Structures are given as C-alpha cells and as structure tokens.
Amino acid sequence: MNEFQSLAGRLLVAMPGISDPRFEHAVILVCAHRPDHAMGLRLDTPAPGVSLKKVLSKLDAPAPADADSRAVLIGGPVERERGFVLHTDDWLIEDASVPFGAGLAMTGTREALLAMADPSHGPRRSVLLLGYAGWGDGQLEDELGENVWLTAEADPELIFDPDHESKWARALAGLGVDPAQLSGQSGRA
C-alpha cells in the first residue's frame, strides 16, 4: 500500500481531454488534502461581471483604488455563493485562517474580505474566489492515477497574477510541457 502524500499547497493542472468541461484548462490550488477528501480553488476563471469593488460595495465597505480592476474568481462548482479569500500568510485570523503550502492561507470570513481593501493592514497579496472544487474519499487519487491532472509547485506569481487567460499554458510551461504536444487521450499501460 502506498503511503499517503498530501498535495496541499500544490497546483493541479488539467490535462487536455478532461471529461468534466467545468475543469477544461483548469489550474487549481489544493488547499486541503487528506485521505478522505480534498479541497482546492480554481485560479483561472473570473466570475463574469463581478469585481472586488462590486462585492465590497454590497457590504458597504470601502474599496481600494484598484478594486474595480480586481476580478473575483470562480473557485469551483461547489457552494458557488460562498466566498474564500486566498492570501499570503503575512495576515491571519486565529481559528479562521487555514495556512497551507509555502506562504499561503485561505480565510472565509468577512474580516478577510475587508482586509483585502486595506493595503496597510491586510495581506500583501490576495484574491477573492466564489465556490471551490472538492473531491471525496480517494477521488483525487483516482483522477491522478488516470492522468487527469498534472501536479506542479505553487508559484505565487502565477497564483496572484491577474492574467487569468494564460495561467494554464504558463503552469504547463513551468513543468516544461508544451500544451500543443499534449494528447487528449489517457490510458493505462
């Protein structure tokens, strides 16, 4: 039996031909991974018509000057109405923030959202995501065994970069893979 190795803090990069169209060209940051479940946030899909400024204005919260240009991302298909702030671990809320990987954390509170608007007291880098991707007992391991995903180091420059359209190709390039050379077919030897 193989010893379990957590992928928390690593990227999942979708292979071409993934059977679920919701994850085509996806780049997902794994935030939690245990033998019985995994949770991640998709980093490359802006929510249409939603900006950080719009979310903050609904909360009657002040917005930083760049809030209108900061996209809110669709973190995944599960609980799409629930918000998560993915941020650097230089800012944490005790009993609410979940640190993982090297220098990253996730917080799902209003305080985290308000901290995004405060460059002097909030996290150095952050992004708001709606929803998450989730896997049940052994599901992610099965998908990895079927070559549905490649795994990569989590690069903060890629994670927080506002150029969402090219993240998949850049994540593959970081692995030394040319997307044009990948086959949409998977199989087992």
N, C-alpha and C. Protein backbone atom coordinates (compact mmCIF):
# COMPACT_ATOMS: atom_id res chain seq x y z
N MET A 1 0.84 -1.19 0.00
CA MET A 1 0.00 0.00 0.00
C MET A 1 0.88 1.24 0.00
N ASN A 2 0.52 2.23 -0.82
CA ASN A 2 1.28 3.47 -0.89
C ASN A 2 0.99 4.34 0.31
N GLU A 3 2.02 5.03 0.80
CA GLU A 3 1.83 5.97 1.89
C GLU A 3 1.20 7.24 1.33
N PHE A 4 0.21 7.79 2.03
CA PHE A 4 -0.49 8.99 1.58
C PHE A 4 0.44 10.19 1.59
N GLN A 5 0.42 10.96 0.52
CA GLN A 5 1.17 12.20 0.43
C GLN A 5 0.21 13.33 0.10
N SER A 6 0.11 14.29 0.99
CA SER A 6 -0.80 15.41 0.78
C SER A 6 -0.30 16.31 -0.35
N LEU A 7 -1.23 16.78 -1.14
CA LEU A 7 -0.92 17.72 -2.22
C LEU A 7 -1.26 19.16 -1.82
N ALA A 8 -1.62 19.38 -0.56
CA ALA A 8 -1.94 20.74 -0.12
C ALA A 8 -0.76 21.66 -0.42
N GLY A 9 -1.08 22.79 -1.03
CA GLY A 9 -0.05 23.75 -1.40
C GLY A 9 0.53 23.53 -2.78
N ARG A 10 -0.01 22.56 -3.52
CA ARG A 10 0.47 22.29 -4.89
C ARG A 10 -0.63 22.64 -5.89
N LEU A 11 -0.25 22.77 -7.13
CA LEU A 11 -1.20 23.05 -8.20
C LEU A 11 -1.60 21.76 -8.90
N LEU A 12 -2.86 21.70 -9.30
CA LEU A 12 -3.35 20.67 -10.22
C LEU A 12 -3.55 21.37 -11.56
N VAL A 13 -3.00 20.80 -12.60
CA VAL A 13 -3.11 21.37 -13.94
C VAL A 13 -3.84 20.34 -14.80
N ALA A 14 -5.00 20.74 -15.32
CA ALA A 14 -5.84 19.81 -16.07
C ALA A 14 -5.17 19.37 -17.36
N MET A 15 -5.26 18.09 -17.65
CA MET A 15 -4.79 17.56 -18.92
C MET A 15 -5.86 17.82 -19.99
N PRO A 16 -5.46 17.94 -21.25
CA PRO A 16 -6.45 18.07 -22.31
C PRO A 16 -7.35 16.83 -22.32
N GLY A 17 -8.59 17.02 -22.70
CA GLY A 17 -9.49 15.88 -22.78
C GLY A 17 -10.12 15.50 -21.45
N ILE A 18 -9.98 16.37 -20.44
CA ILE A 18 -10.61 16.08 -19.15
C ILE A 18 -12.11 15.89 -19.39
N SER A 19 -12.69 14.90 -18.78
CA SER A 19 -14.08 14.54 -19.09
C SER A 19 -15.09 15.52 -18.52
N ASP A 20 -14.71 16.36 -17.59
CA ASP A 20 -15.62 17.34 -17.00
C ASP A 20 -15.33 18.71 -17.59
N PRO A 21 -16.23 19.24 -18.43
CA PRO A 21 -15.96 20.53 -19.08
C PRO A 21 -15.79 21.69 -18.10
N ARG A 22 -16.26 21.55 -16.87
CA ARG A 22 -16.09 22.61 -15.87
C ARG A 22 -14.62 22.78 -15.49
N PHE A 23 -13.79 21.80 -15.82
CA PHE A 23 -12.38 21.86 -15.44
C PHE A 23 -11.44 21.91 -16.63
N GLU A 24 -11.97 22.16 -17.82
CA GLU A 24 -11.12 22.27 -19.01
C GLU A 24 -10.15 23.44 -18.82
N HIS A 25 -8.87 23.16 -19.05
CA HIS A 25 -7.78 24.13 -18.90
C HIS A 25 -7.71 24.72 -17.49
N ALA A 26 -8.09 23.96 -16.50
CA ALA A 26 -8.10 24.44 -15.12
C ALA A 26 -6.72 24.40 -14.48
N VAL A 27 -6.50 25.37 -13.63
CA VAL A 27 -5.35 25.40 -12.73
C VAL A 27 -5.96 25.56 -11.34
N ILE A 28 -5.76 24.55 -10.50
CA ILE A 28 -6.39 24.53 -9.18
C ILE A 28 -5.31 24.44 -8.11
N LEU A 29 -5.43 25.31 -7.12
CA LEU A 29 -4.53 25.26 -5.97
C LEU A 29 -5.18 24.37 -4.91
N VAL A 30 -4.49 23.30 -4.52
CA VAL A 30 -5.01 22.40 -3.50
C VAL A 30 -4.77 23.05 -2.13
N CYS A 31 -5.87 23.31 -1.41
CA CYS A 31 -5.79 23.98 -0.11
C CYS A 31 -5.83 22.99 1.04
N ALA A 32 -6.46 21.85 0.84
CA ALA A 32 -6.55 20.81 1.87
C ALA A 32 -6.58 19.47 1.17
N HIS A 33 -5.85 18.50 1.71
CA HIS A 33 -5.83 17.17 1.11
C HIS A 33 -5.54 16.15 2.21
N ARG A 34 -6.52 15.32 2.42
CA ARG A 34 -6.40 14.22 3.39
C ARG A 34 -6.87 12.96 2.68
N PRO A 35 -6.65 11.79 3.26
CA PRO A 35 -7.07 10.56 2.58
C PRO A 35 -8.56 10.51 2.24
N ASP A 36 -9.40 11.17 3.04
CA ASP A 36 -10.84 11.09 2.81
C ASP A 36 -11.44 12.26 2.05
N HIS A 37 -10.67 13.30 1.78
CA HIS A 37 -11.20 14.42 1.00
C HIS A 37 -10.08 15.36 0.54
N ALA A 38 -10.43 16.17 -0.44
CA ALA A 38 -9.52 17.23 -0.91
C ALA A 38 -10.36 18.43 -1.29
N MET A 39 -9.76 19.61 -1.16
CA MET A 39 -10.43 20.87 -1.49
C MET A 39 -9.44 21.77 -2.19
N GLY A 40 -9.87 22.41 -3.27
CA GLY A 40 -9.00 23.31 -3.99
C GLY A 40 -9.74 24.50 -4.54
N LEU A 41 -8.99 25.49 -5.00
CA LEU A 41 -9.55 26.71 -5.58
C LEU A 41 -9.01 26.89 -6.99
N ARG A 42 -9.93 27.03 -7.94
CA ARG A 42 -9.53 27.25 -9.33
C ARG A 42 -9.06 28.70 -9.48
N LEU A 43 -7.94 28.88 -10.16
CA LEU A 43 -7.27 30.18 -10.22
C LEU A 43 -7.39 30.91 -11.55
N ASP A 44 -8.14 30.39 -12.50
CA ASP A 44 -8.06 30.94 -13.85
C ASP A 44 -9.39 31.37 -14.46
N THR A 45 -10.47 31.44 -13.68
CA THR A 45 -11.77 31.75 -14.27
C THR A 45 -12.45 32.91 -13.54
N PRO A 46 -12.38 34.11 -14.10
CA PRO A 46 -13.08 35.24 -13.48
C PRO A 46 -14.60 35.04 -13.54
N ALA A 47 -15.26 35.47 -12.48
CA ALA A 47 -16.74 35.45 -12.46
C ALA A 47 -17.21 36.59 -13.35
N PRO A 48 -18.05 36.30 -14.34
CA PRO A 48 -18.48 37.34 -15.28
C PRO A 48 -19.18 38.50 -14.56
N GLY A 49 -18.70 39.71 -14.84
CA GLY A 49 -19.34 40.92 -14.31
C GLY A 49 -19.16 41.17 -12.83
N VAL A 50 -18.26 40.44 -12.18
CA VAL A 50 -18.06 40.62 -10.73
C VAL A 50 -16.63 41.11 -10.49
N SER A 51 -16.52 42.20 -9.77
CA SER A 51 -15.21 42.72 -9.37
C SER A 51 -15.18 42.84 -7.86
N LEU A 52 -13.99 43.00 -7.33
CA LEU A 52 -13.85 43.19 -5.89
C LEU A 52 -14.62 44.44 -5.45
N LYS A 53 -14.60 45.47 -6.28
CA LYS A 53 -15.31 46.71 -5.95
C LYS A 53 -16.81 46.44 -5.79
N LYS A 54 -17.40 45.65 -6.68
CA LYS A 54 -18.84 45.35 -6.58
C LYS A 54 -19.16 44.59 -5.30
N VAL A 55 -18.31 43.63 -4.94
CA VAL A 55 -18.54 42.85 -3.73
C VAL A 55 -18.42 43.75 -2.50
N LEU A 56 -17.38 44.57 -2.44
CA LEU A 56 -17.19 45.45 -1.30
C LEU A 56 -18.32 46.47 -1.19
N SER A 57 -18.81 46.98 -2.32
CA SER A 57 -19.90 47.96 -2.25
C SER A 57 -21.18 47.32 -1.72
N LYS A 58 -21.41 46.04 -2.02
CA LYS A 58 -22.59 45.35 -1.46
C LYS A 58 -22.49 45.22 0.05
N LEU A 59 -21.26 45.23 0.57
CA LEU A 59 -21.04 45.14 2.01
C LEU A 59 -20.90 46.53 2.64
N ASP A 60 -21.12 47.58 1.84
CA ASP A 60 -20.92 48.95 2.29
C ASP A 60 -19.53 49.14 2.88
N ALA A 61 -18.54 48.52 2.24
CA ALA A 61 -17.16 48.60 2.68
C ALA A 61 -16.36 49.46 1.72
N PRO A 62 -15.37 50.18 2.23
CA PRO A 62 -14.53 50.98 1.34
C PRO A 62 -13.72 50.08 0.41
N ALA A 63 -13.52 50.56 -0.80
CA ALA A 63 -12.77 49.78 -1.79
C ALA A 63 -11.48 50.49 -2.14
N PRO A 64 -10.37 49.75 -2.26
CA PRO A 64 -9.12 50.38 -2.69
C PRO A 64 -9.24 50.86 -4.14
N ALA A 65 -8.34 51.71 -4.54
CA ALA A 65 -8.39 52.32 -5.88
C ALA A 65 -8.41 51.27 -6.99
N ASP A 66 -7.72 50.14 -6.80
CA ASP A 66 -7.64 49.14 -7.86
C ASP A 66 -8.75 48.09 -7.80
N ALA A 67 -9.73 48.26 -6.91
CA ALA A 67 -10.75 47.22 -6.69
C ALA A 67 -11.59 46.94 -7.91
N ASP A 68 -11.82 47.95 -8.74
CA ASP A 68 -12.66 47.72 -9.93
C ASP A 68 -11.96 46.83 -10.95
N SER A 69 -10.63 46.83 -10.94
CA SER A 69 -9.88 46.01 -11.90
C SER A 69 -9.52 44.64 -11.34
N ARG A 70 -9.86 44.38 -10.09
CA ARG A 70 -9.53 43.09 -9.46
C ARG A 70 -10.71 42.13 -9.62
N ALA A 71 -10.50 41.10 -10.42
CA ALA A 71 -11.55 40.13 -10.69
C ALA A 71 -11.81 39.26 -9.47
N VAL A 72 -13.05 38.81 -9.36
CA VAL A 72 -13.42 37.77 -8.41
C VAL A 72 -13.45 36.49 -9.23
N LEU A 73 -12.84 35.43 -8.73
CA LEU A 73 -12.72 34.19 -9.49
C LEU A 73 -13.77 33.17 -9.09
N ILE A 74 -14.09 32.30 -10.02
CA ILE A 74 -14.93 31.15 -9.72
C ILE A 74 -13.99 30.06 -9.22
N GLY A 75 -14.03 29.81 -7.93
CA GLY A 75 -13.12 28.85 -7.30
C GLY A 75 -13.45 27.41 -7.58
N GLY A 76 -14.69 27.16 -8.00
CA GLY A 76 -15.11 25.80 -8.30
C GLY A 76 -16.62 25.69 -8.27
N PRO A 77 -17.12 24.51 -8.61
CA PRO A 77 -18.58 24.34 -8.74
C PRO A 77 -19.32 24.10 -7.43
N VAL A 78 -18.61 23.89 -6.33
CA VAL A 78 -19.26 23.58 -5.06
C VAL A 78 -19.47 24.88 -4.26
N GLU A 79 -20.67 25.08 -3.73
CA GLU A 79 -21.01 26.24 -2.91
C GLU A 79 -20.58 27.55 -3.56
N ARG A 80 -21.05 27.80 -4.76
CA ARG A 80 -20.63 28.98 -5.53
C ARG A 80 -21.01 30.31 -4.88
N GLU A 81 -21.93 30.29 -3.93
CA GLU A 81 -22.30 31.53 -3.24
C GLU A 81 -21.38 31.83 -2.05
N ARG A 82 -20.51 30.90 -1.72
CA ARG A 82 -19.61 31.06 -0.58
C ARG A 82 -18.27 31.65 -1.04
N GLY A 83 -17.80 32.66 -0.32
CA GLY A 83 -16.55 33.31 -0.69
C GLY A 83 -15.37 32.84 0.13
N PHE A 84 -14.23 32.77 -0.53
CA PHE A 84 -12.97 32.42 0.11
C PHE A 84 -11.93 33.44 -0.32
N VAL A 85 -11.16 33.93 0.63
CA VAL A 85 -10.05 34.82 0.31
C VAL A 85 -8.78 33.98 0.37
N LEU A 86 -8.14 33.86 -0.77
CA LEU A 86 -6.83 33.21 -0.85
C LEU A 86 -5.81 34.32 -0.70
N HIS A 87 -4.86 34.14 0.22
CA HIS A 87 -3.95 35.25 0.51
C HIS A 87 -2.60 34.74 1.01
N THR A 88 -1.67 35.67 1.09
CA THR A 88 -0.36 35.36 1.66
C THR A 88 -0.53 35.21 3.17
N ASP A 89 0.36 34.43 3.78
CA ASP A 89 0.20 34.13 5.21
C ASP A 89 0.82 35.19 6.13
N ASP A 90 1.05 36.39 5.61
CA ASP A 90 1.52 37.50 6.44
C ASP A 90 0.36 38.13 7.21
N TRP A 91 -0.85 37.68 6.95
CA TRP A 91 -2.06 38.15 7.62
C TRP A 91 -2.92 36.92 7.90
N LEU A 92 -3.27 36.70 9.16
CA LEU A 92 -4.06 35.53 9.53
C LEU A 92 -5.06 35.89 10.62
N ILE A 93 -6.18 35.20 10.63
CA ILE A 93 -7.15 35.31 11.72
C ILE A 93 -7.11 33.99 12.48
N GLU A 94 -6.81 34.08 13.77
CA GLU A 94 -6.75 32.88 14.59
C GLU A 94 -8.09 32.15 14.55
N ASP A 95 -8.06 30.85 14.37
CA ASP A 95 -9.23 29.97 14.32
C ASP A 95 -10.10 30.17 13.07
N ALA A 96 -9.66 31.00 12.11
CA ALA A 96 -10.44 31.18 10.88
C ALA A 96 -9.58 30.98 9.64
N SER A 97 -8.33 31.38 9.69
CA SER A 97 -7.44 31.22 8.54
C SER A 97 -6.84 29.83 8.54
N VAL A 98 -6.69 29.27 7.34
CA VAL A 98 -6.08 27.96 7.16
C VAL A 98 -4.79 28.13 6.37
N PRO A 99 -3.63 28.14 7.07
CA PRO A 99 -2.37 28.22 6.33
C PRO A 99 -2.06 26.87 5.68
N PHE A 100 -1.46 26.91 4.51
CA PHE A 100 -1.05 25.70 3.81
C PHE A 100 0.04 26.05 2.84
N GLY A 101 0.77 25.03 2.42
CA GLY A 101 1.84 25.26 1.45
C GLY A 101 2.88 26.24 2.00
N ALA A 102 3.61 26.83 1.12
CA ALA A 102 4.67 27.77 1.50
C ALA A 102 4.17 29.20 1.36
N GLY A 103 3.78 29.79 2.49
CA GLY A 103 3.41 31.20 2.49
C GLY A 103 2.00 31.53 2.07
N LEU A 104 1.10 30.54 2.02
CA LEU A 104 -0.27 30.77 1.59
C LEU A 104 -1.26 30.46 2.71
N ALA A 105 -2.43 31.07 2.61
CA ALA A 105 -3.51 30.80 3.56
C ALA A 105 -4.84 31.08 2.87
N MET A 106 -5.89 30.55 3.47
CA MET A 106 -7.24 30.76 2.97
C MET A 106 -8.11 31.12 4.18
N THR A 107 -8.95 32.14 3.99
CA THR A 107 -9.85 32.57 5.06
C THR A 107 -11.21 32.85 4.44
N GLY A 108 -12.24 32.37 5.07
CA GLY A 108 -13.60 32.54 4.54
C GLY A 108 -14.46 33.42 5.41
N THR A 109 -13.94 34.58 5.83
CA THR A 109 -14.71 35.47 6.70
C THR A 109 -14.84 36.86 6.08
N ARG A 110 -15.80 37.60 6.59
CA ARG A 110 -15.99 39.00 6.16
C ARG A 110 -14.73 39.81 6.48
N GLU A 111 -14.10 39.53 7.63
CA GLU A 111 -12.88 40.25 8.03
C GLU A 111 -11.78 40.09 6.97
N ALA A 112 -11.69 38.92 6.40
CA ALA A 112 -10.68 38.69 5.36
C ALA A 112 -10.99 39.52 4.13
N LEU A 113 -12.25 39.59 3.78
CA LEU A 113 -12.66 40.39 2.62
C LEU A 113 -12.35 41.87 2.87
N LEU A 114 -12.66 42.36 4.06
CA LEU A 114 -12.37 43.74 4.39
C LEU A 114 -10.86 44.00 4.42
N ALA A 115 -10.08 43.02 4.86
CA ALA A 115 -8.62 43.16 4.90
C ALA A 115 -8.04 43.31 3.50
N MET A 116 -8.70 42.71 2.49
CA MET A 116 -8.23 42.86 1.11
C MET A 116 -8.23 44.33 0.69
N ALA A 117 -9.13 45.10 1.28
CA ALA A 117 -9.28 46.51 0.92
C ALA A 117 -8.34 47.42 1.70
N ASP A 118 -7.56 46.85 2.61
CA ASP A 118 -6.69 47.64 3.47
C ASP A 118 -5.23 47.26 3.26
N PRO A 119 -4.56 47.91 2.30
CA PRO A 119 -3.19 47.52 1.98
C PRO A 119 -2.21 47.66 3.14
N SER A 120 -2.50 48.51 4.12
CA SER A 120 -1.56 48.69 5.22
C SER A 120 -1.73 47.64 6.32
N HIS A 121 -2.91 47.03 6.43
CA HIS A 121 -3.15 46.06 7.49
C HIS A 121 -3.56 44.68 6.98
N GLY A 122 -3.86 44.56 5.73
CA GLY A 122 -4.30 43.28 5.17
C GLY A 122 -3.14 42.47 4.63
N PRO A 123 -3.46 41.36 3.97
CA PRO A 123 -2.40 40.52 3.38
C PRO A 123 -1.71 41.24 2.22
N ARG A 124 -0.46 40.90 2.02
CA ARG A 124 0.34 41.50 0.94
C ARG A 124 -0.31 41.22 -0.43
N ARG A 125 -0.78 39.99 -0.62
CA ARG A 125 -1.43 39.61 -1.88
C ARG A 125 -2.67 38.79 -1.55
N SER A 126 -3.72 38.99 -2.34
CA SER A 126 -4.95 38.26 -2.07
C SER A 126 -5.85 38.25 -3.31
N VAL A 127 -6.77 37.29 -3.31
CA VAL A 127 -7.78 37.20 -4.35
C VAL A 127 -9.03 36.58 -3.73
N LEU A 128 -10.19 37.06 -4.16
CA LEU A 128 -11.47 36.53 -3.69
C LEU A 128 -11.98 35.51 -4.70
N LEU A 129 -12.43 34.36 -4.18
CA LEU A 129 -12.97 33.30 -5.04
C LEU A 129 -14.34 32.89 -4.51
N LEU A 130 -15.23 32.55 -5.43
CA LEU A 130 -16.55 32.06 -5.07
C LEU A 130 -16.63 30.58 -5.39
N GLY A 131 -16.95 29.77 -4.39
CA GLY A 131 -17.03 28.33 -4.57
C GLY A 131 -15.67 27.67 -4.48
N TYR A 132 -15.70 26.34 -4.57
CA TYR A 132 -14.46 25.57 -4.51
C TYR A 132 -14.64 24.26 -5.26
N ALA A 133 -13.54 23.58 -5.48
CA ALA A 133 -13.55 22.24 -6.08
C ALA A 133 -13.33 21.25 -4.94
N GLY A 134 -14.10 20.19 -4.93
CA GLY A 134 -13.98 19.22 -3.86
C GLY A 134 -13.94 17.79 -4.39
N TRP A 135 -13.24 16.94 -3.68
CA TRP A 135 -13.11 15.53 -4.03
C TRP A 135 -13.42 14.70 -2.79
N GLY A 136 -14.10 13.59 -2.97
CA GLY A 136 -14.40 12.68 -1.87
C GLY A 136 -13.28 11.68 -1.65
N ASP A 137 -13.56 10.72 -0.82
CA ASP A 137 -12.60 9.69 -0.40
C ASP A 137 -11.96 9.00 -1.62
N GLY A 138 -10.66 9.23 -1.82
CA GLY A 138 -9.90 8.58 -2.89
C GLY A 138 -10.16 9.10 -4.29
N GLN A 139 -11.08 10.03 -4.46
CA GLN A 139 -11.45 10.52 -5.80
C GLN A 139 -10.29 11.24 -6.49
N LEU A 140 -9.60 12.12 -5.79
CA LEU A 140 -8.48 12.83 -6.41
C LEU A 140 -7.36 11.87 -6.76
N GLU A 141 -7.08 10.92 -5.88
CA GLU A 141 -6.04 9.94 -6.15
C GLU A 141 -6.38 9.12 -7.39
N ASP A 142 -7.66 8.76 -7.54
CA ASP A 142 -8.10 8.03 -8.74
C ASP A 142 -7.88 8.87 -9.99
N GLU A 143 -8.24 10.15 -9.93
CA GLU A 143 -8.07 11.03 -11.09
C GLU A 143 -6.59 11.20 -11.43
N LEU A 144 -5.75 11.31 -10.42
CA LEU A 144 -4.30 11.40 -10.68
C LEU A 144 -3.80 10.12 -11.34
N GLY A 145 -4.30 8.97 -10.89
CA GLY A 145 -3.91 7.69 -11.48
C GLY A 145 -4.37 7.53 -12.91
N GLU A 146 -5.45 8.24 -13.27
CA GLU A 146 -5.98 8.20 -14.64
C GLU A 146 -5.39 9.32 -15.50
N ASN A 147 -4.38 10.00 -15.00
CA ASN A 147 -3.71 11.09 -15.72
C ASN A 147 -4.64 12.23 -16.11
N VAL A 148 -5.58 12.55 -15.23
CA VAL A 148 -6.48 13.67 -15.45
C VAL A 148 -5.78 14.98 -15.11
N TRP A 149 -4.87 14.92 -14.13
CA TRP A 149 -4.17 16.11 -13.65
C TRP A 149 -2.66 15.90 -13.65
N LEU A 150 -1.94 16.98 -13.90
CA LEU A 150 -0.51 17.06 -13.61
C LEU A 150 -0.39 17.86 -12.31
N THR A 151 0.64 17.62 -11.55
CA THR A 151 0.86 18.42 -10.34
C THR A 151 2.10 19.28 -10.53
N ALA A 152 2.05 20.47 -9.92
CA ALA A 152 3.14 21.43 -10.06
C ALA A 152 3.33 22.18 -8.75
N GLU A 153 4.51 22.76 -8.60
CA GLU A 153 4.77 23.63 -7.46
C GLU A 153 3.85 24.84 -7.54
N ALA A 154 3.41 25.32 -6.40
CA ALA A 154 2.58 26.52 -6.36
C ALA A 154 3.49 27.74 -6.46
N ASP A 155 3.32 28.49 -7.51
CA ASP A 155 4.12 29.69 -7.75
C ASP A 155 3.24 30.92 -7.44
N PRO A 156 3.57 31.68 -6.39
CA PRO A 156 2.75 32.85 -6.05
C PRO A 156 2.59 33.84 -7.20
N GLU A 157 3.60 33.94 -8.06
CA GLU A 157 3.47 34.85 -9.20
C GLU A 157 2.34 34.40 -10.12
N LEU A 158 2.21 33.11 -10.33
CA LEU A 158 1.13 32.57 -11.16
C LEU A 158 -0.20 32.65 -10.41
N ILE A 159 -0.19 32.30 -9.15
CA ILE A 159 -1.42 32.27 -8.35
C ILE A 159 -2.11 33.62 -8.33
N PHE A 160 -1.37 34.69 -8.05
CA PHE A 160 -1.97 36.00 -7.86
C PHE A 160 -1.93 36.88 -9.12
N ASP A 161 -1.41 36.38 -10.21
CA ASP A 161 -1.33 37.16 -11.45
C ASP A 161 -2.74 37.39 -12.02
N PRO A 162 -3.06 38.63 -12.38
CA PRO A 162 -4.39 38.90 -12.94
C PRO A 162 -4.58 38.44 -14.38
N ASP A 163 -3.54 37.94 -15.03
CA ASP A 163 -3.67 37.40 -16.39
C ASP A 163 -4.17 35.96 -16.27
N HIS A 164 -5.48 35.81 -16.14
CA HIS A 164 -6.08 34.51 -15.90
C HIS A 164 -6.11 33.63 -17.15
N GLU A 165 -6.23 34.26 -18.30
CA GLU A 165 -6.36 33.51 -19.56
C GLU A 165 -5.17 32.62 -19.87
N SER A 166 -3.97 33.05 -19.48
CA SER A 166 -2.78 32.29 -19.84
C SER A 166 -2.26 31.39 -18.71
N LYS A 167 -2.96 31.30 -17.60
CA LYS A 167 -2.43 30.54 -16.45
C LYS A 167 -2.22 29.07 -16.77
N TRP A 168 -3.14 28.45 -17.48
CA TRP A 168 -3.00 27.03 -17.80
C TRP A 168 -1.72 26.79 -18.62
N ALA A 169 -1.55 27.56 -19.68
CA ALA A 169 -0.36 27.39 -20.53
C ALA A 169 0.91 27.69 -19.75
N ARG A 170 0.88 28.71 -18.89
CA ARG A 170 2.07 29.06 -18.10
C ARG A 170 2.37 27.99 -17.05
N ALA A 171 1.32 27.40 -16.46
CA ALA A 171 1.55 26.32 -15.48
C ALA A 171 2.19 25.12 -16.17
N LEU A 172 1.72 24.79 -17.37
CA LEU A 172 2.32 23.70 -18.13
C LEU A 172 3.76 24.03 -18.51
N ALA A 173 3.99 25.26 -18.97
CA ALA A 173 5.35 25.67 -19.35
C ALA A 173 6.29 25.56 -18.15
N GLY A 174 5.79 25.87 -16.95
CA GLY A 174 6.60 25.74 -15.75
C GLY A 174 7.02 24.30 -15.48
N LEU A 175 6.27 23.35 -16.02
CA LEU A 175 6.61 21.93 -15.91
C LEU A 175 7.44 21.45 -17.09
N GLY A 176 7.71 22.38 -18.03
CA GLY A 176 8.46 22.00 -19.23
C GLY A 176 7.60 21.31 -20.27
N VAL A 177 6.29 21.56 -20.22
CA VAL A 177 5.35 20.90 -21.12
C VAL A 177 4.78 21.92 -22.10
N ASP A 178 4.79 21.59 -23.37
CA ASP A 178 4.18 22.41 -24.41
C ASP A 178 2.75 21.93 -24.60
N PRO A 179 1.73 22.79 -24.36
CA PRO A 179 0.35 22.34 -24.48
C PRO A 179 0.02 21.73 -25.85
N ALA A 180 0.69 22.20 -26.89
CA ALA A 180 0.44 21.66 -28.23
C ALA A 180 0.89 20.21 -28.37
N GLN A 181 1.78 19.77 -27.49
CA GLN A 181 2.30 18.40 -27.56
C GLN A 181 1.49 17.41 -26.72
N LEU A 182 0.51 17.92 -25.96
CA LEU A 182 -0.27 17.04 -25.09
C LEU A 182 -1.41 16.40 -25.87
N SER A 183 -1.66 15.16 -25.57
CA SER A 183 -2.78 14.43 -26.18
C SER A 183 -3.97 14.49 -25.25
N GLY A 184 -5.14 14.53 -25.83
CA GLY A 184 -6.37 14.48 -25.05
C GLY A 184 -6.73 13.07 -24.65
N GLN A 185 -5.94 12.11 -25.03
CA GLN A 185 -6.21 10.71 -24.71
C GLN A 185 -5.47 10.31 -23.45
N SER A 186 -6.11 9.53 -22.62
CA SER A 186 -5.41 8.96 -21.47
C SER A 186 -5.59 7.48 -21.53
N GLY A 187 -4.75 6.80 -20.82
CA GLY A 187 -4.87 5.33 -20.81
C GLY A 187 -3.99 4.74 -19.74
N ARG A 188 -4.00 3.43 -19.71
CA ARG A 188 -3.20 2.73 -18.72
C ARG A 188 -2.35 1.70 -19.42
N ALA A 189 -1.14 1.56 -18.93
CA ALA A 189 -0.24 0.58 -19.53
C ALA A 189 -0.37 -0.76 -18.82
